[in-house]
PDB file of N, CA and C in Angstrom:
ATOM      1  N   MET A   1      91.786 -26.094-148.543  1.00  0.00           N
ATOM      2  CA  MET A   1      91.913 -25.437-147.372  1.00  0.00           C
ATOM      3  C   MET A   1      92.588 -24.176-147.444  1.00  0.00           C
ATOM      4  N   SER A   2      92.277 -23.186-146.966  1.00  0.00           N
ATOM      5  CA  SER A   2      93.578 -22.067-147.275  1.00  0.00           C
ATOM      6  C   SER A   2      94.072 -22.402-146.454  1.00  0.00           C
ATOM      7  N   ASN A   3      95.034 -21.585-145.624  1.00  0.00           N
ATOM      8  CA  ASN A   3      96.001 -22.068-144.427  1.00  0.00           C
ATOM      9  C   ASN A   3      95.823 -20.609-143.444  1.00  0.00           C
ATOM     10  N   VAL A   4      95.062 -20.002-143.864  1.00  0.00           N
ATOM     11  CA  VAL A   4      94.662 -18.239-143.376  1.00  0.00           C
ATOM     12  C   VAL A   4      93.516 -18.524-142.473  1.00  0.00           C
ATOM     13  N   ILE A   5      93.955 -18.319-141.265  1.00  0.00           N
ATOM     14  CA  ILE A   5      92.212 -18.396-139.877  1.00  0.00           C
ATOM     15  C   ILE A   5      92.655 -17.115-139.528  1.00  0.00           C
ATOM     16  N   VAL A   6      91.164 -16.808-139.906  1.00  0.00           N
ATOM     17  CA  VAL A   6      90.538 -15.188-139.358  1.00  0.00           C
ATOM     18  C   VAL A   6      89.963 -15.604-138.231  1.00  0.00           C
ATOM     19  N   ILE A   7      89.915 -14.989-137.267  1.00  0.00           N
ATOM     20  CA  ILE A   7      88.867 -14.732-135.866  1.00  0.00           C
ATOM     21  C   ILE A   7      88.263 -13.446-135.845  1.00  0.00           C
ATOM     22  N   TYR A   8      87.038 -13.223-135.946  1.00  0.00           N
ATOM     23  CA  TYR A   8      86.133 -12.184-135.582  1.00  0.00           C
ATOM     24  C   TYR A   8      85.542 -11.988-134.569  1.00  0.00           C
ATOM     25  N   GLN A   9      86.514 -11.043-133.721  1.00  0.00           N
ATOM     26  CA  GLN A   9      86.053 -11.116-132.006  1.00  0.00           C
ATOM     27  C   GLN A   9      85.904  -9.745-131.112  1.00  0.00           C
ATOM     28  N   LYS A  10      85.670  -9.811-130.537  1.00  0.00           N
ATOM     29  CA  LYS A  10      85.341  -8.510-129.155  1.00  0.00           C
ATOM     30  C   LYS A  10      86.718  -9.100-127.908  1.00  0.00           C
ATOM     31  N   PRO A  11      87.356  -8.325-127.730  1.00  0.00           N
ATOM     32  CA  PRO A  11      88.629  -8.492-126.843  1.00  0.00           C
ATOM     33  C   PRO A  11      88.489  -8.755-125.617  1.00  0.00           C
ATOM     34  N   THR A  12      86.916  -8.158-125.543  1.00  0.00           N
ATOM     35  CA  THR A  12      86.455  -8.112-123.812  1.00  0.00           C
ATOM     36  C   THR A  12      85.686  -9.601-123.703  1.00  0.00           C
ATOM     37  N   CYS A  13      85.258 -10.221-124.253  1.00  0.00           N
ATOM     38  CA  CYS A  13      84.395 -11.178-124.992  1.00  0.00           C
ATOM     39  C   CYS A  13      85.508 -12.391-124.148  1.00  0.00           C
ATOM     40  N   SER A  14      84.904 -13.494-122.877  1.00  0.00           N
ATOM     41  CA  SER A  14      85.647 -14.562-122.482  1.00  0.00           C
ATOM     42  C   SER A  14      85.625 -15.688-123.803  1.00  0.00           C
ATOM     43  N   LYS A  15      84.269 -16.371-124.378  1.00  0.00           N
ATOM     44  CA  LYS A  15      84.278 -17.247-125.060  1.00  0.00           C
ATOM     45  C   LYS A  15      85.678 -16.546-126.620  1.00  0.00           C
ATOM     46  N   CYS A  16      85.423 -15.378-126.992  1.00  0.00           N
ATOM     47  CA  CYS A  16      86.614 -14.918-128.045  1.00  0.00           C
ATOM     48  C   CYS A  16      88.143 -15.411-126.983  1.00  0.00           C
ATOM     49  N   ARG A  17      88.154 -14.622-125.984  1.00  0.00           N
ATOM     50  CA  ARG A  17      89.535 -15.165-125.098  1.00  0.00           C
ATOM     51  C   ARG A  17      90.175 -16.179-125.634  1.00  0.00           C
ATOM     52  N   ALA A  18      88.937 -17.083-125.029  1.00  0.00           N
ATOM     53  CA  ALA A  18      89.428 -18.327-124.848  1.00  0.00           C
ATOM     54  C   ALA A  18      89.223 -19.381-126.163  1.00  0.00           C
ATOM     55  N   THR A  19      88.752 -18.976-127.529  1.00  0.00           N
ATOM     56  CA  THR A  19      89.003 -18.888-128.769  1.00  0.00           C
ATOM     57  C   THR A  19      90.479 -18.747-129.223  1.00  0.00           C
ATOM     58  N   LEU A  20      90.819 -17.809-129.287  1.00  0.00           N
ATOM     59  CA  LEU A  20      92.478 -17.538-129.068  1.00  0.00           C
ATOM     60  C   LEU A  20      93.497 -18.268-128.305  1.00  0.00           C
ATOM     61  N   ALA A  21      93.238 -18.370-127.013  1.00  0.00           N
ATOM     62  CA  ALA A  21      94.023 -18.919-126.443  1.00  0.00           C
ATOM     63  C   ALA A  21      94.152 -20.413-127.045  1.00  0.00           C
ATOM     64  N   LEU A  22      93.270 -21.000-128.193  1.00  0.00           N
ATOM     65  CA  LEU A  22      93.038 -22.438-128.493  1.00  0.00           C
ATOM     66  C   LEU A  22      94.188 -21.919-129.678  1.00  0.00           C
ATOM     67  N   LEU A  23      93.802 -21.036-130.234  1.00  0.00           N
ATOM     68  CA  LEU A  23      94.031 -20.951-131.782  1.00  0.00           C
ATOM     69  C   LEU A  23      95.741 -20.185-131.422  1.00  0.00           C
ATOM     70  N   LYS A  24      96.096 -19.979-130.257  1.00  0.00           N
ATOM     71  CA  LYS A  24      97.394 -19.682-130.190  1.00  0.00           C
ATOM     72  C   LYS A  24      98.454 -20.692-129.765  1.00  0.00           C
ATOM     73  N   ASP A  25      97.758 -21.993-129.030  1.00  0.00           N
ATOM     74  CA  ASP A  25      98.428 -23.373-128.663  1.00  0.00           C
ATOM     75  C   ASP A  25      98.170 -23.869-129.297  1.00  0.00           C
ATOM     76  N   SER A  26      98.042 -23.725-130.578  1.00  0.00           N
ATOM     77  CA  SER A  26      97.949 -24.671-131.735  1.00  0.00           C
ATOM     78  C   SER A  26      99.172 -24.515-132.572  1.00  0.00           C
ATOM     79  N   GLY A  27      99.369 -23.605-132.784  1.00  0.00           N
ATOM     80  CA  GLY A  27     100.983 -23.093-132.780  1.00  0.00           C
ATOM     81  C   GLY A  27     100.623 -22.649-134.532  1.00  0.00           C
ATOM     82  N   GLN A  28      99.284 -22.687-135.729  1.00  0.00           N
ATOM     83  CA  GLN A  28      99.255 -22.187-135.962  1.00  0.00           C
ATOM     84  C   GLN A  28      99.155 -20.667-136.670  1.00  0.00           C
ATOM     85  N   ALA A  29      99.398 -19.830-137.366  1.00  0.00           N
ATOM     86  CA  ALA A  29      99.249 -18.638-137.930  1.00  0.00           C
ATOM     87  C   ALA A  29      97.693 -17.998-137.869  1.00  0.00           C
ATOM     88  N   PHE A  30      96.993 -16.915-137.670  1.00  0.00           N
ATOM     89  CA  PHE A  30      95.947 -16.502-137.913  1.00  0.00           C
ATOM     90  C   PHE A  30      96.302 -15.115-137.348  1.00  0.00           C
ATOM     91  N   ASP A  31      94.659 -14.280-137.988  1.00  0.00           N
ATOM     92  CA  ASP A  31      94.801 -13.244-138.122  1.00  0.00           C
ATOM     93  C   ASP A  31      93.310 -12.619-136.668  1.00  0.00           C
ATOM     94  N   ALA A  32      93.868 -12.079-136.138  1.00  0.00           N
ATOM     95  CA  ALA A  32      93.065 -11.523-135.346  1.00  0.00           C
ATOM     96  C   ALA A  32      91.858 -10.040-135.587  1.00  0.00           C
ATOM     97  N   VAL A  33      90.502 -10.241-135.957  1.00  0.00           N
ATOM     98  CA  VAL A  33      89.811  -9.234-136.302  1.00  0.00           C
ATOM     99  C   VAL A  33      89.013  -8.628-135.199  1.00  0.00           C
ATOM    100  N   ASN A  34      89.078  -7.609-134.830  1.00  0.00           N
ATOM    101  CA  ASN A  34      88.529  -6.839-133.506  1.00  0.00           C
ATOM    102  C   ASN A  34      87.631  -6.015-134.282  1.00  0.00           C
ATOM    103  N   TYR A  35      86.204  -6.277-134.717  1.00  0.00           N
ATOM    104  CA  TYR A  35      85.306  -6.086-135.313  1.00  0.00           C
ATOM    105  C   TYR A  35      84.126  -5.143-134.498  1.00  0.00           C
ATOM    106  N   TYR A  36      84.727  -4.681-133.911  1.00  0.00           N
ATOM    107  CA  TYR A  36      85.079  -2.945-133.235  1.00  0.00           C
ATOM    108  C   TYR A  36      85.460  -2.142-133.163  1.00  0.00           C
ATOM    109  N   GLU A  37      86.872  -2.052-133.742  1.00  0.00           N
ATOM    110  CA  GLU A  37      87.929  -0.987-134.338  1.00  0.00           C
ATOM    111  C   GLU A  37      87.479  -1.678-135.936  1.00  0.00           C
ATOM    112  N   ALA A  38      87.218  -2.583-136.536  1.00  0.00           N
ATOM    113  CA  ALA A  38      87.454  -2.646-138.018  1.00  0.00           C
ATOM    114  C   ALA A  38      85.747  -3.860-138.144  1.00  0.00           C
ATOM    115  N   PRO A  39      85.022  -2.017-138.673  1.00  0.00           N
ATOM    116  CA  PRO A  39      83.559  -3.187-138.269  1.00  0.00           C
ATOM    117  C   PRO A  39      83.112  -3.986-139.755  1.00  0.00           C
ATOM    118  N   LEU A  40      82.497  -4.617-139.682  1.00  0.00           N
ATOM    119  CA  LEU A  40      82.203  -5.699-140.432  1.00  0.00           C
ATOM    120  C   LEU A  40      81.136  -4.855-141.511  1.00  0.00           C
ATOM    121  N   THR A  41      81.219  -4.752-142.683  1.00  0.00           N
ATOM    122  CA  THR A  41      80.765  -4.427-144.046  1.00  0.00           C
ATOM    123  C   THR A  41      79.728  -5.541-143.891  1.00  0.00           C
ATOM    124  N   VAL A  42      78.390  -4.729-144.591  1.00  0.00           N
ATOM    125  CA  VAL A  42      77.310  -5.479-144.694  1.00  0.00           C
ATOM    126  C   VAL A  42      77.349  -6.927-145.937  1.00  0.00           C
ATOM    127  N   GLU A  43      77.848  -6.372-146.779  1.00  0.00           N
ATOM    128  CA  GLU A  43      78.698  -7.676-147.367  1.00  0.00           C
ATOM    129  C   GLU A  43      79.693  -8.966-146.590  1.00  0.00           C
ATOM    130  N   ARG A  44      80.154  -7.972-146.109  1.00  0.00           N
ATOM    131  CA  ARG A  44      80.925  -9.057-145.408  1.00  0.00           C
ATOM    132  C   ARG A  44      80.662  -9.989-144.043  1.00  0.00           C
ATOM    133  N   LEU A  45      79.517  -9.343-143.638  1.00  0.00           N
ATOM    134  CA  LEU A  45      78.975 -10.301-142.632  1.00  0.00           C
ATOM    135  C   LEU A  45      78.241 -11.327-143.849  1.00  0.00           C
ATOM    136  N   ARG A  46      77.363 -11.067-144.426  1.00  0.00           N
ATOM    137  CA  ARG A  46      76.699 -11.429-145.631  1.00  0.00           C
ATOM    138  C   ARG A  46      77.599 -13.127-146.024  1.00  0.00           C
ATOM    139  N   GLU A  47      78.771 -13.122-146.242  1.00  0.00           N
ATOM    140  CA  GLU A  47      79.623 -13.821-146.107  1.00  0.00           C
ATOM    141  C   GLU A  47      80.224 -14.703-145.667  1.00  0.00           C
ATOM    142  N   LEU A  48      80.451 -13.710-144.231  1.00  0.00           N
ATOM    143  CA  LEU A  48      80.412 -14.882-142.963  1.00  0.00           C
ATOM    144  C   LEU A  48      79.373 -15.676-142.567  1.00  0.00           C
ATOM    145  N   ILE A  49      78.281 -15.277-143.113  1.00  0.00           N
ATOM    146  CA  ILE A  49      77.259 -16.405-142.319  1.00  0.00           C
ATOM    147  C   ILE A  49      76.767 -17.322-143.727  1.00  0.00           C
ATOM    148  N   LYS A  50      77.121 -16.757-145.310  1.00  0.00           N
ATOM    149  CA  LYS A  50      76.808 -18.286-146.173  1.00  0.00           C
ATOM    150  C   LYS A  50      77.880 -18.823-145.571  1.00  0.00           C
ATOM    151  N   LYS A  51      79.233 -18.931-144.536  1.00  0.00           N
ATOM    152  CA  LYS A  51      80.245 -19.781-144.472  1.00  0.00           C
ATOM    153  C   LYS A  51      80.058 -20.782-143.464  1.00  0.00           C
ATOM    154  N   LEU A  52      79.112 -19.584-142.384  1.00  0.00           N
ATOM    155  CA  LEU A  52      79.070 -20.380-141.215  1.00  0.00           C
ATOM    156  C   LEU A  52      77.920 -21.586-141.775  1.00  0.00           C
ATOM    157  N   GLY A  53      76.996 -21.327-142.714  1.00  0.00           N
ATOM    158  CA  GLY A  53      75.559 -22.388-143.036  1.00  0.00           C
ATOM    159  C   GLY A  53      74.647 -22.026-142.439  1.00  0.00           C
ATOM    160  N   LEU A  54      74.336 -20.712-141.515  1.00  0.00           N
ATOM    161  CA  LEU A  54      73.212 -20.585-140.415  1.00  0.00           C
ATOM    162  C   LEU A  54      72.460 -19.567-140.890  1.00  0.00           C
ATOM    163  N   PRO A  55      71.124 -20.262-140.760  1.00  0.00           N
ATOM    164  CA  PRO A  55      70.094 -19.122-140.670  1.00  0.00           C
ATOM    165  C   PRO A  55      70.945 -17.640-140.248  1.00  0.00           C
ATOM    166  N   VAL A  56      70.255 -16.542-140.750  1.00  0.00           N
ATOM    167  CA  VAL A  56      70.523 -15.085-140.137  1.00  0.00           C
ATOM    168  C   VAL A  56      70.426 -14.613-138.197  1.00  0.00           C
ATOM    169  N   ARG A  57      69.506 -15.394-137.907  1.00  0.00           N
ATOM    170  CA  ARG A  57      68.838 -15.279-137.017  1.00  0.00           C
ATOM    171  C   ARG A  57      69.445 -16.365-135.831  1.00  0.00           C
ATOM    172  N   ASP A  58      69.947 -16.885-136.547  1.00  0.00           N
ATOM    173  CA  ASP A  58      70.637 -17.877-135.720  1.00  0.00           C
ATOM    174  C   ASP A  58      72.275 -17.376-135.058  1.00  0.00           C
ATOM    175  N   ILE A  59      72.680 -16.304-135.978  1.00  0.00           N
ATOM    176  CA  ILE A  59      73.809 -15.693-135.146  1.00  0.00           C
ATOM    177  C   ILE A  59      73.331 -14.292-135.017  1.00  0.00           C
ATOM    178  N   LEU A  60      72.564 -13.650-134.112  1.00  0.00           N
ATOM    179  CA  LEU A  60      71.534 -12.643-133.943  1.00  0.00           C
ATOM    180  C   LEU A  60      72.288 -13.010-132.172  1.00  0.00           C
ATOM    181  N   ARG A  61      72.486 -12.552-131.542  1.00  0.00           N
ATOM    182  CA  ARG A  61      72.680 -12.086-130.174  1.00  0.00           C
ATOM    183  C   ARG A  61      71.367 -11.495-129.309  1.00  0.00           C
ATOM    184  N   SER A  62      70.080 -12.608-129.571  1.00  0.00           N
ATOM    185  CA  SER A  62      68.557 -12.245-129.391  1.00  0.00           C
ATOM    186  C   SER A  62      68.707 -11.732-127.652  1.00  0.00           C
ATOM    187  N   ASP A  63      69.823 -12.420-126.600  1.00  0.00           N
ATOM    188  CA  ASP A  63      69.457 -11.791-125.343  1.00  0.00           C
ATOM    189  C   ASP A  63      70.230 -10.756-124.882  1.00  0.00           C
ATOM    190  N   GLU A  64      70.920  -9.861-125.778  1.00  0.00           N
ATOM    191  CA  GLU A  64      70.947  -8.243-125.481  1.00  0.00           C
ATOM    192  C   GLU A  64      70.187  -8.017-125.432  1.00  0.00           C
ATOM    193  N   PRO A  65      70.347  -6.802-124.067  1.00  0.00           N
ATOM    194  CA  PRO A  65      69.378  -6.074-123.959  1.00  0.00           C
ATOM    195  C   PRO A  65      69.099  -4.843-125.122  1.00  0.00           C
ATOM    196  N   LEU A  66      69.851  -4.843-126.465  1.00  0.00           N
ATOM    197  CA  LEU A  66      69.523  -3.866-127.411  1.00  0.00           C
ATOM    198  C   LEU A  66      68.709  -4.487-128.036  1.00  0.00           C
ATOM    199  N   ALA A  67      68.545  -6.213-128.267  1.00  0.00           N
ATOM    200  CA  ALA A  67      67.676  -7.414-129.011  1.00  0.00           C
ATOM    201  C   ALA A  67      66.449  -6.940-128.505  1.00  0.00           C
ATOM    202  N   ARG A  68      66.510  -6.730-127.541  1.00  0.00           N
ATOM    203  CA  ARG A  68      65.205  -6.847-126.332  1.00  0.00           C
ATOM    204  C   ARG A  68      64.613  -5.222-126.435  1.00  0.00           C
ATOM    205  N   ARG A  69      65.356  -4.269-126.678  1.00  0.00           N
ATOM    206  CA  ARG A  69      64.797  -3.174-126.639  1.00  0.00           C
ATOM    207  C   ARG A  69      64.297  -2.890-127.923  1.00  0.00           C
ATOM    208  N   LEU A  70      64.677  -3.656-128.981  1.00  0.00           N
ATOM    209  CA  LEU A  70      64.304  -3.340-130.468  1.00  0.00           C
ATOM    210  C   LEU A  70      63.231  -4.245-130.699  1.00  0.00           C
ATOM    211  N   GLU A  71      62.947  -5.487-129.690  1.00  0.00           N
ATOM    212  CA  GLU A  71      61.855  -6.627-130.055  1.00  0.00           C
ATOM    213  C   GLU A  71      62.287  -7.072-131.529  1.00  0.00           C
ATOM    214  N   LEU A  72      63.964  -7.416-131.884  1.00  0.00           N
ATOM    215  CA  LEU A  72      63.653  -8.228-132.538  1.00  0.00           C
ATOM    216  C   LEU A  72      63.524  -9.280-132.261  1.00  0.00           C
ATOM    217  N   ALA A  73      62.903 -10.232-131.682  1.00  0.00           N
ATOM    218  CA  ALA A  73      62.885 -11.475-131.530  1.00  0.00           C
ATOM    219  C   ALA A  73      60.999 -11.567-132.086  1.00  0.00           C
ATOM    220  N   GLU A  74      60.249 -10.398-131.200  1.00  0.00           N
ATOM    221  CA  GLU A  74      58.838 -10.596-132.133  1.00  0.00           C
ATOM    222  C   GLU A  74      58.466  -9.634-133.965  1.00  0.00           C
ATOM    223  N   ARG A  75      59.636  -9.204-133.761  1.00  0.00           N
ATOM    224  CA  ARG A  75      59.414  -8.802-135.646  1.00  0.00           C
ATOM    225  C   ARG A  75      59.446  -9.360-136.252  1.00  0.00           C
ATOM    226  N   ARG A  76      59.026  -9.035-138.027  1.00  0.00           N
ATOM    227  CA  ARG A  76      58.773  -9.760-138.696  1.00  0.00           C
ATOM    228  C   ARG A  76      60.140  -9.268-140.023  1.00  0.00           C
ATOM    229  N   LEU A  77      61.659  -9.266-139.354  1.00  0.00           N
ATOM    230  CA  LEU A  77      62.331  -8.550-140.289  1.00  0.00           C
ATOM    231  C   LEU A  77      63.277  -9.561-141.065  1.00  0.00           C
ATOM    232  N   SER A  78      63.209  -8.808-142.741  1.00  0.00           N
ATOM    233  CA  SER A  78      64.078 -10.090-143.761  1.00  0.00           C
ATOM    234  C   SER A  78      65.475 -10.197-143.050  1.00  0.00           C
ATOM    235  N   ASP A  79      66.257 -11.303-143.698  1.00  0.00           N
ATOM    236  CA  ASP A  79      67.504 -10.973-143.282  1.00  0.00           C
ATOM    237  C   ASP A  79      68.394 -10.074-143.422  1.00  0.00           C
ATOM    238  N   ASP A  80      68.208  -9.433-145.116  1.00  0.00           N
ATOM    239  CA  ASP A  80      68.783  -7.894-144.994  1.00  0.00           C
ATOM    240  C   ASP A  80      68.875  -7.168-143.499  1.00  0.00           C
ATOM    241  N   GLU A  81      67.728  -6.890-143.324  1.00  0.00           N
ATOM    242  CA  GLU A  81      67.028  -5.904-142.497  1.00  0.00           C
ATOM    243  C   GLU A  81      67.914  -6.712-141.139  1.00  0.00           C
ATOM    244  N   LEU A  82      67.875  -7.573-140.917  1.00  0.00           N
ATOM    245  CA  LEU A  82      68.599  -7.956-139.709  1.00  0.00           C
ATOM    246  C   LEU A  82      70.107  -7.694-139.873  1.00  0.00           C
ATOM    247  N   ILE A  83      70.818  -8.073-140.701  1.00  0.00           N
ATOM    248  CA  ILE A  83      72.213  -7.840-141.348  1.00  0.00           C
ATOM    249  C   ILE A  83      72.621  -6.782-141.165  1.00  0.00           C
ATOM    250  N   LYS A  84      71.755  -5.751-141.385  1.00  0.00           N
ATOM    251  CA  LYS A  84      72.058  -4.099-141.652  1.00  0.00           C
ATOM    252  C   LYS A  84      71.862  -3.368-139.741  1.00  0.00           C
ATOM    253  N   ILE A  85      71.132  -4.535-139.559  1.00  0.00           N
ATOM    254  CA  ILE A  85      70.834  -3.977-137.314  1.00  0.00           C
ATOM    255  C   ILE A  85      72.182  -4.609-137.055  1.00  0.00           C
ATOM    256  N   MET A  86      72.364  -5.671-137.271  1.00  0.00           N
ATOM    257  CA  MET A  86      73.866  -6.408-137.012  1.00  0.00           C
ATOM    258  C   MET A  86      75.251  -5.717-136.495  1.00  0.00           C
ATOM    259  N   VAL A  87      74.753  -5.113-138.653  1.00  0.00           N
ATOM    260  CA  VAL A  87      76.619  -4.298-138.494  1.00  0.00           C
ATOM    261  C   VAL A  87      76.436  -2.719-137.822  1.00  0.00           C
ATOM    262  N   ASP A  88      75.168  -2.260-137.991  1.00  0.00           N
ATOM    263  CA  ASP A  88      75.461  -1.133-136.802  1.00  0.00           C
ATOM    264  C   ASP A  88      75.441  -1.525-135.769  1.00  0.00           C
ATOM    265  N   ASN A  89      74.585  -2.418-135.085  1.00  0.00           N
ATOM    266  CA  ASN A  89      75.158  -2.874-133.856  1.00  0.00           C
ATOM    267  C   ASN A  89      75.513  -3.680-133.308  1.00  0.00           C
ATOM    268  N   PRO A  90      77.397  -3.930-133.742  1.00  0.00           N
ATOM    269  CA  PRO A  90      78.368  -5.151-133.710  1.00  0.00           C
ATOM    270  C   PRO A  90      77.760  -6.416-132.177  1.00  0.00           C
ATOM    271  N   ASP A  91      77.475  -5.676-130.642  1.00  0.00           N
ATOM    272  CA  ASP A  91      77.495  -6.448-130.014  1.00  0.00           C
ATOM    273  C   ASP A  91      76.011  -7.382-130.296  1.00  0.00           C
ATOM    274  N   LEU A  92      75.110  -6.999-131.530  1.00  0.00           N
ATOM    275  CA  LEU A  92      74.050  -8.176-131.460  1.00  0.00           C
ATOM    276  C   LEU A  92      74.423  -9.762-132.881  1.00  0.00           C
ATOM    277  N   ILE A  93      76.332  -9.225-132.719  1.00  0.00           N
ATOM    278  CA  ILE A  93      76.463 -10.895-133.600  1.00  0.00           C
ATOM    279  C   ILE A  93      77.219 -11.391-132.572  1.00  0.00           C
ATOM    280  N   GLN A  94      76.555 -12.848-132.862  1.00  0.00           N
ATOM    281  CA  GLN A  94      77.227 -13.883-131.984  1.00  0.00           C
ATOM    282  C   GLN A  94      78.494 -13.759-131.968  1.00  0.00           C
ATOM    283  N   ARG A  95      79.887 -14.569-131.197  1.00  0.00           N
ATOM    284  CA  ARG A  95      81.083 -14.534-131.222  1.00  0.00           C
ATOM    285  C   ARG A  95      81.730 -15.199-130.705  1.00  0.00           C
ATOM    286  N   PRO A  96      82.762 -15.769-130.650  1.00  0.00           N
ATOM    287  CA  PRO A  96      83.655 -15.271-131.714  1.00  0.00           C
ATOM    288  C   PRO A  96      83.644 -16.268-133.308  1.00  0.00           C
ATOM    289  N   ILE A  97      83.599 -15.525-134.102  1.00  0.00           N
ATOM    290  CA  ILE A  97      83.465 -16.282-135.794  1.00  0.00           C
ATOM    291  C   ILE A  97      84.736 -16.683-136.414  1.00  0.00           C
ATOM    292  N   VAL A  98      85.485 -17.919-136.806  1.00  0.00           N
ATOM    293  CA  VAL A  98      86.437 -17.952-137.231  1.00  0.00           C
ATOM    294  C   VAL A  98      86.499 -18.889-138.543  1.00  0.00           C
ATOM    295  N   VAL A  99      87.062 -18.350-139.376  1.00  0.00           N
ATOM    296  CA  VAL A  99      86.914 -18.271-140.820  1.00  0.00           C
ATOM    297  C   VAL A  99      88.754 -19.448-141.264  1.00  0.00           C
ATOM    298  N   ARG A 100      88.556 -20.171-142.065  1.00  0.00           N
ATOM    299  CA  ARG A 100      89.880 -20.501-143.005  1.00  0.00           C
ATOM    300  C   ARG A 100      88.961 -21.270-143.809  1.00  0.00           C
ATOM    301  N   GLY A 101      89.639 -20.518-144.990  1.00  0.00           N
ATOM    302  CA  GLY A 101      89.084 -20.311-146.201  1.00  0.00           C
ATOM    303  C   GLY A 101      87.625 -19.916-146.730  1.00  0.00           C
ATOM    304  N   ASP A 102      86.593 -21.612-146.989  1.00  0.00           N
ATOM    305  CA  ASP A 102      85.772 -21.461-147.586  1.00  0.00           C
ATOM    306  C   ASP A 102      84.507 -21.837-146.239  1.00  0.00           C
ATOM    307  N   GLU A 103      85.354 -21.904-145.231  1.00  0.00           N
ATOM    308  CA  GLU A 103      84.496 -22.961-144.174  1.00  0.00           C
ATOM    309  C   GLU A 103      84.764 -21.477-142.412  1.00  0.00           C
ATOM    310  N   ALA A 104      83.507 -21.681-142.102  1.00  0.00           N
ATOM    311  CA  ALA A 104      83.467 -20.857-140.633  1.00  0.00           C
ATOM    312  C   ALA A 104      82.838 -21.653-139.925  1.00  0.00           C
ATOM    313  N   VAL A 105      82.765 -21.101-138.342  1.00  0.00           N
ATOM    314  CA  VAL A 105      82.503 -21.943-137.390  1.00  0.00           C
ATOM    315  C   VAL A 105      82.182 -20.826-135.925  1.00  0.00           C
ATOM    316  N   LEU A 106      80.892 -21.032-135.771  1.00  0.00           N
ATOM    317  CA  LEU A 106      80.910 -19.998-134.500  1.00  0.00           C
ATOM    318  C   LEU A 106      81.514 -21.078-133.097  1.00  0.00           C
ATOM    319  N   CYS A 107      82.285 -20.007-132.480  1.00  0.00           N
ATOM    320  CA  CYS A 107      82.899 -20.803-131.160  1.00  0.00           C
ATOM    321  C   CYS A 107      82.828 -20.502-130.515  1.00  0.00           C
ATOM    322  N   ARG A 108      81.130 -21.389-129.832  1.00  0.00           N
ATOM    323  CA  ARG A 108      80.267 -21.067-128.700  1.00  0.00           C
ATOM    324  C   ARG A 108      80.281 -22.603-128.982  1.00  0.00           C
ATOM    325  N   PRO A 109      80.765 -23.740-128.239  1.00  0.00           N
ATOM    326  CA  PRO A 109      81.679 -23.307-126.993  1.00  0.00           C
ATOM    327  C   PRO A 109      83.181 -22.837-128.223  1.00  0.00           C
ATOM    328  N   PRO A 110      84.047 -22.498-127.429  1.00  0.00           N
ATOM    329  CA  PRO A 110      85.230 -22.210-127.936  1.00  0.00           C
ATOM    330  C   PRO A 110      86.285 -23.859-128.799  1.00  0.00           C
ATOM    331  N   GLU A 111      86.169 -24.503-128.125  1.00  0.00           N
ATOM    332  CA  GLU A 111      86.098 -25.538-128.682  1.00  0.00           C
ATOM    333  C   GLU A 111      85.620 -26.256-130.021  1.00  0.00           C
ATOM    334  N   ASN A 112      85.002 -25.811-130.884  1.00  0.00           N
ATOM    335  CA  ASN A 112      84.273 -25.564-132.051  1.00  0.00           C
ATOM    336  C   ASN A 112      85.672 -25.441-133.127  1.00  0.00           C
ATOM    337  N   VAL A 113      87.025 -24.189-132.511  1.00  0.00           N
ATOM    338  CA  VAL A 113      87.782 -23.794-133.182  1.00  0.00           C
ATOM    339  C   VAL A 113      87.937 -24.976-134.098  1.00  0.00           C
ATOM    340  N   MET A 114      88.316 -25.979-133.385  1.00  0.00           N
ATOM    341  CA  MET A 114      88.998 -27.509-133.474  1.00  0.00           C
ATOM    342  C   MET A 114      89.226 -28.539-134.525  1.00  0.00           C
ATOM    343  N   LYS A 115      87.670 -27.441-134.985  1.00  0.00           N
ATOM    344  CA  LYS A 115      87.270 -28.484-136.451  1.00  0.00           C
ATOM    345  C   LYS A 115      87.634 -27.694-137.806  1.00  0.00           C
ATOM    346  N   LEU A 116      88.609 -26.726-137.526  1.00  0.00           N
ATOM    347  CA  LEU A 116      89.202 -25.982-138.697  1.00  0.00           C
ATOM    348  C   LEU A 116      90.313 -25.777-138.429  1.00  0.00           C
ATOM    349  N   LEU A 117      91.390 -26.558-137.981  1.00  0.00           N
ATOM    350  CA  LEU A 117      92.561 -26.859-137.485  1.00  0.00           C
ATOM    351  C   LEU A 117      93.050 -28.210-138.106  1.00  0.00           C
TER     352      LEU A 117
END
């Protein structure tokens, strides 16, 4: 497992802040990527989803007002279509996502980060 830990996060998100605190407390080096300032590409999001081992819809924030306006729960969209929508609208991506090597975890709850430490 690579020693490089990367957290994909939004600084105003409480779960992201809690996960960052756990990472800092661990003493391990990590990189924090604010994916609002450094947007994810379709390829990068697809890679993160593969590492998470989750279906695309599981990382969709379906409770977001935008998701309801776009009727994403009701529409039959392909994984590629959903990924493109999430890349274009990062509020629709569950967060934070922490990666270490070929593994990733969705840190909801933040304590999930311990699986990578």
